[in-house]
Amino acid sequence: MPDMNGFELCRRLRQLPVSINMPIIMLTAASGEEDRMMAKKAGANDLLGKPFNLDTLSEHIKVLLK
């Protein structure tokens, strides 16, 4: 994304009334512990590293929607 990174996008989404409670899963090539902490701090519910398996993504979505 040329104008902002995913962490900033997540922070901005959390400020909007329509998306304040929306589950957010960040998909990223950077999936170390520091990245996970930054994602949580930005308001993400989960973070998956690329490449990811579609079955794994589906399971993470199911957990968040319960």
C-alpha atoms as a PDB file:
ATOM      1  CA  MET A   1       0.000   0.000   0.000  1.00  0.00           C
ATOM      2  CA  PRO A   2       1.662   3.201  -1.101  1.00  0.00           C
ATOM      3  CA  ASP A   3       0.213   5.676   1.422  1.00  0.00           C
ATOM      4  CA  MET A   4       0.097   3.635   4.636  1.00  0.00           C
ATOM      5  CA  ASN A   5       0.975   0.219   6.002  1.00  0.00           C
ATOM      6  CA  GLY A   6      -1.438  -2.422   7.290  1.00  0.00           C
ATOM      7  CA  PHE A   7      -0.940  -1.421  10.920  1.00  0.00           C
ATOM      8  CA  GLU A   8      -2.029   2.152  10.171  1.00  0.00           C
ATOM      9  CA  LEU A   9      -5.010   0.907   8.154  1.00  0.00           C
ATOM     10  CA  CYS A  10      -6.052  -1.275  11.083  1.00  0.00           C
ATOM     11  CA  ARG A  11      -5.754   1.661  13.510  1.00  0.00           C
ATOM     12  CA  ARG A  12      -7.905   3.810  11.227  1.00  0.00           C
ATOM     13  CA  LEU A  13     -10.538   1.100  10.834  1.00  0.00           C
ATOM     14  CA  ARG A  14     -10.801   0.787  14.608  1.00  0.00           C
ATOM     15  CA  GLN A  15     -11.619   4.501  14.821  1.00  0.00           C
ATOM     16  CA  LEU A  16     -14.672   4.163  12.560  1.00  0.00           C
ATOM     17  CA  PRO A  17     -17.971   3.316  14.287  1.00  0.00           C
ATOM     18  CA  VAL A  18     -18.937   0.881  11.511  1.00  0.00           C
ATOM     19  CA  SER A  19     -15.791  -1.240  11.944  1.00  0.00           C
ATOM     20  CA  ILE A  20     -14.920  -0.799  15.615  1.00  0.00           C
ATOM     21  CA  ASN A  21     -16.079  -4.347  16.466  1.00  0.00           C
ATOM     22  CA  MET A  22     -15.372  -5.958  13.096  1.00  0.00           C
ATOM     23  CA  PRO A  23     -12.924  -8.879  13.282  1.00  0.00           C
ATOM     24  CA  ILE A  24      -9.628  -8.074  11.551  1.00  0.00           C
ATOM     25  CA  ILE A  25      -7.096 -10.676  10.458  1.00  0.00           C
ATOM     26  CA  MET A  26      -3.887  -9.235   9.080  1.00  0.00           C
ATOM     27  CA  LEU A  27      -2.125 -11.258   6.365  1.00  0.00           C
ATOM     28  CA  THR A  28       1.562 -10.447   6.156  1.00  0.00           C
ATOM     29  CA  ALA A  29       4.970 -11.727   5.120  1.00  0.00           C
ATOM     30  CA  ALA A  30       6.308 -10.405   8.438  1.00  0.00           C
ATOM     31  CA  SER A  31       4.841 -12.688  11.097  1.00  0.00           C
ATOM     32  CA  GLY A  32       7.368 -12.645  13.910  1.00  0.00           C
ATOM     33  CA  GLU A  33       6.497 -12.031  17.541  1.00  0.00           C
ATOM     34  CA  GLU A  34       7.162  -8.283  17.238  1.00  0.00           C
ATOM     35  CA  ASP A  35       4.813  -8.122  14.232  1.00  0.00           C
ATOM     36  CA  ARG A  36       2.124  -9.968  16.201  1.00  0.00           C
ATOM     37  CA  MET A  37       2.456  -7.488  19.059  1.00  0.00           C
ATOM     38  CA  MET A  38       2.245  -4.540  16.641  1.00  0.00           C
ATOM     39  CA  ALA A  39      -0.866  -6.045  15.012  1.00  0.00           C
ATOM     40  CA  LYS A  40      -2.575  -6.486  18.391  1.00  0.00           C
ATOM     41  CA  LYS A  41      -1.619  -2.945  19.400  1.00  0.00           C
ATOM     42  CA  ALA A  42      -3.097  -1.645  16.126  1.00  0.00           C
ATOM     43  CA  GLY A  43      -6.363  -3.434  16.915  1.00  0.00           C
ATOM     44  CA  ALA A  44      -6.104  -6.623  14.857  1.00  0.00           C
ATOM     45  CA  ASN A  45      -7.696  -9.755  16.249  1.00  0.00           C
ATOM     46  CA  ASP A  46      -5.234 -12.082  14.546  1.00  0.00           C
ATOM     47  CA  LEU A  47      -2.226 -12.178  12.239  1.00  0.00           C
ATOM     48  CA  LEU A  48      -1.344 -14.896   9.724  1.00  0.00           C
ATOM     49  CA  GLY A  49       1.970 -15.137   7.952  1.00  0.00           C
ATOM     50  CA  LYS A  50       2.266 -15.581   4.200  1.00  0.00           C
ATOM     51  CA  PRO A  51       2.141 -18.011   2.617  1.00  0.00           C
ATOM     52  CA  PHE A  52      -0.878 -19.333   4.428  1.00  0.00           C
ATOM     53  CA  ASN A  53      -3.138 -22.307   3.916  1.00  0.00           C
ATOM     54  CA  LEU A  54      -6.778 -21.539   3.075  1.00  0.00           C
ATOM     55  CA  ASP A  55      -7.943 -24.149   5.580  1.00  0.00           C
ATOM     56  CA  THR A  56      -5.940 -22.371   8.290  1.00  0.00           C
ATOM     57  CA  LEU A  57      -7.435 -19.011   7.325  1.00  0.00           C
ATOM     58  CA  SER A  58     -10.911 -20.564   7.382  1.00  0.00           C
ATOM     59  CA  GLU A  59     -10.334 -21.900  10.904  1.00  0.00           C
ATOM     60  CA  HIS A  60      -9.129 -18.511  12.159  1.00  0.00           C
ATOM     61  CA  ILE A  61     -12.227 -16.867  10.666  1.00  0.00           C
ATOM     62  CA  LYS A  62     -14.528 -19.425  12.307  1.00  0.00           C
ATOM     63  CA  VAL A  63     -12.925 -18.773  15.699  1.00  0.00           C
ATOM     64  CA  LEU A  64     -13.376 -15.008  15.362  1.00  0.00           C
ATOM     65  CA  LEU A  65     -16.995 -15.296  14.279  1.00  0.00           C
ATOM     66  CA  LYS A  66     -18.064 -17.415  17.273  1.00  0.00           C
END
